[in-house]
Protein backbone atom coordinates (compact mmCIF):
# COMPACT_ATOMS: atom_id res chain seq x y z
CA MET A 1 -49.49 -75.36 5.83
CA GLU A 2 -48.27 -72.89 8.46
CA LEU A 3 -44.65 -72.62 9.55
CA GLY A 4 -45.69 -73.08 13.18
CA ASP A 5 -47.33 -76.42 12.30
CA PHE A 6 -43.92 -78.06 12.10
CA MET A 7 -42.36 -77.51 15.51
CA ASP A 8 -42.65 -75.13 18.44
CA ASP A 9 -39.35 -73.44 17.56
CA GLN A 10 -40.56 -72.90 13.97
CA ARG A 11 -38.02 -75.14 12.29
CA VAL A 12 -39.04 -76.48 8.92
CA PRO A 13 -37.92 -80.06 8.32
CA LEU A 14 -36.18 -80.44 4.96
CA GLY A 15 -33.78 -82.74 3.20
CA ILE A 16 -32.07 -80.56 0.62
CA LYS A 17 -28.51 -80.34 -0.64
CA ALA A 18 -26.18 -77.72 0.71
CA ARG A 19 -22.50 -76.86 0.85
CA LEU A 20 -20.46 -75.64 3.81
CA ASP A 21 -17.56 -73.37 2.89
CA THR A 22 -14.57 -72.24 4.91
CA GLY A 23 -13.24 -69.83 2.32
CA SER A 24 -10.58 -72.35 1.24
CA ASP A 25 -12.46 -75.69 1.38
CA GLY A 26 -16.00 -76.88 0.82
CA TYR A 27 -17.99 -79.84 2.13
CA ASP A 28 -21.29 -81.35 1.02
CA ALA A 29 -24.15 -81.35 3.53
CA ILE A 30 -27.88 -81.92 3.80
CA VAL A 31 -30.11 -79.31 5.47
CA THR A 32 -32.30 -81.31 7.85
CA ASP A 33 -34.18 -78.31 9.20
CA LEU A 34 -34.27 -74.60 8.58
CA SER A 35 -35.57 -71.59 10.48
CA TYR A 36 -35.20 -67.82 10.25
CA GLY A 37 -32.38 -68.09 12.79
CA GLY A 38 -30.30 -70.82 11.22
CA ALA A 39 -30.03 -74.39 10.04
CA CYS A 40 -29.28 -77.90 11.20
CA LEU A 41 -27.18 -79.96 8.80
CA GLU A 42 -25.94 -83.48 8.36
CA ALA A 43 -22.36 -83.32 7.11
CA PRO A 44 -20.65 -86.70 7.54
CA ASP A 45 -17.52 -85.83 5.53
CA THR A 46 -16.49 -82.75 7.51
CA PRO A 47 -13.34 -83.05 9.63
CA GLU A 48 -13.68 -82.68 13.40
CA PHE A 49 -11.84 -79.33 13.39
CA LEU A 50 -14.00 -77.82 10.66
CA PRO A 51 -17.02 -76.28 12.38
CA ARG A 52 -15.28 -73.24 13.77
CA GLY A 53 -13.99 -72.44 10.29
CA VAL A 54 -17.38 -72.47 8.57
CA LEU A 55 -18.12 -69.08 7.02
CA PHE A 56 -20.77 -69.72 4.37
CA LEU A 57 -23.66 -72.05 3.74
CA THR A 58 -25.00 -72.48 0.21
CA ILE A 59 -28.45 -74.04 0.08
CA GLU A 60 -29.94 -75.34 -3.14
CA ASP A 61 -32.59 -72.87 -4.43
CA LEU A 62 -31.71 -70.34 -1.69
CA GLY A 63 -28.15 -69.27 -2.39
CA THR A 64 -25.19 -68.47 -0.16
CA LEU A 65 -25.59 -67.06 3.35
CA ASP A 66 -23.02 -65.95 5.92
CA VAL A 67 -23.17 -68.24 8.96
CA LEU A 68 -21.78 -68.64 12.44
CA PHE A 69 -21.01 -72.08 13.85
CA ARG A 70 -23.15 -72.92 16.92
CA TRP A 71 -22.79 -76.61 17.74
CA ARG A 72 -21.72 -80.04 16.55
CA LYS A 73 -22.80 -83.52 17.59
CA ASP A 74 -21.35 -86.40 15.59
CA ASN A 75 -22.28 -85.71 11.94
CA ARG A 76 -24.80 -82.98 12.73
CA LEU A 77 -23.94 -79.27 12.77
CA GLY A 78 -25.89 -76.21 13.78
CA VAL A 79 -25.31 -72.77 12.31
CA SER A 80 -27.02 -69.42 12.71
CA PHE A 81 -27.30 -66.74 10.06
CA ALA A 82 -24.80 -63.95 10.62
CA ARG A 83 -26.81 -61.26 8.85
CA GLU A 84 -30.53 -61.59 9.58
CA HIS A 85 -31.34 -58.50 7.50
CA ASP A 86 -30.00 -60.40 4.47
CA ALA A 87 -31.25 -63.88 5.38
CA ARG A 88 -34.83 -63.21 6.44
CA PRO A 89 -36.26 -61.85 3.16
CA ARG A 90 -34.51 -64.59 1.21
CA LEU A 91 -35.88 -67.24 3.58
CA GLU A 92 -39.39 -65.77 3.29
CA ALA A 93 -39.19 -66.09 -0.50
CA PHE A 94 -37.72 -69.59 -0.21
CA PHE A 95 -40.52 -70.78 2.11
CA ALA A 96 -43.16 -69.14 -0.10
CA SER A 97 -41.76 -70.90 -3.18
CA ARG A 98 -42.27 -74.20 -1.36
CA GLY A 99 -45.84 -73.37 -0.33
CA ILE A 100 -45.05 -72.80 3.34
CA ARG A 101 -47.08 -69.82 4.55
CA VAL A 102 -45.37 -67.81 7.24
CA GLY A 103 -47.47 -66.14 9.92
CA ALA A 104 -46.84 -62.75 11.46
CA ARG A 105 -43.22 -61.64 11.72
CA ASP A 106 -41.47 -61.97 15.09
C-alpha cells in the first residue's frame, strides 16, 4: 500500500491513542489521520481554551513530538510538527512498521 493511495494530501487514516500535553496538563486523544506535516486528532475532553497551549503530542508507538496548534473545530484539533528534521525520520519508521510504503521524499 502506498502512502499516496490514502488521500491527495498524503494523510494516513488511523485510529490510535495519543496524548496532548501543555507542559502542566495532559489530555487523551485519538489520532484520526497523520502526515509528515502534522496530525488531526479527536479530543473530546479538552477545554475550549486548550489548543493554543498544546506543546507536545505523544502517539502510541511513535513517541513524543513537539507540535504547533493549527485549528480546532468542535472536538477535532489539527497540529503541525514543530521540528520536521526530528519528526520525519521517526514518521518514516512508524509508517514502515505498519507496512505503509512511502514513495519518493518531497
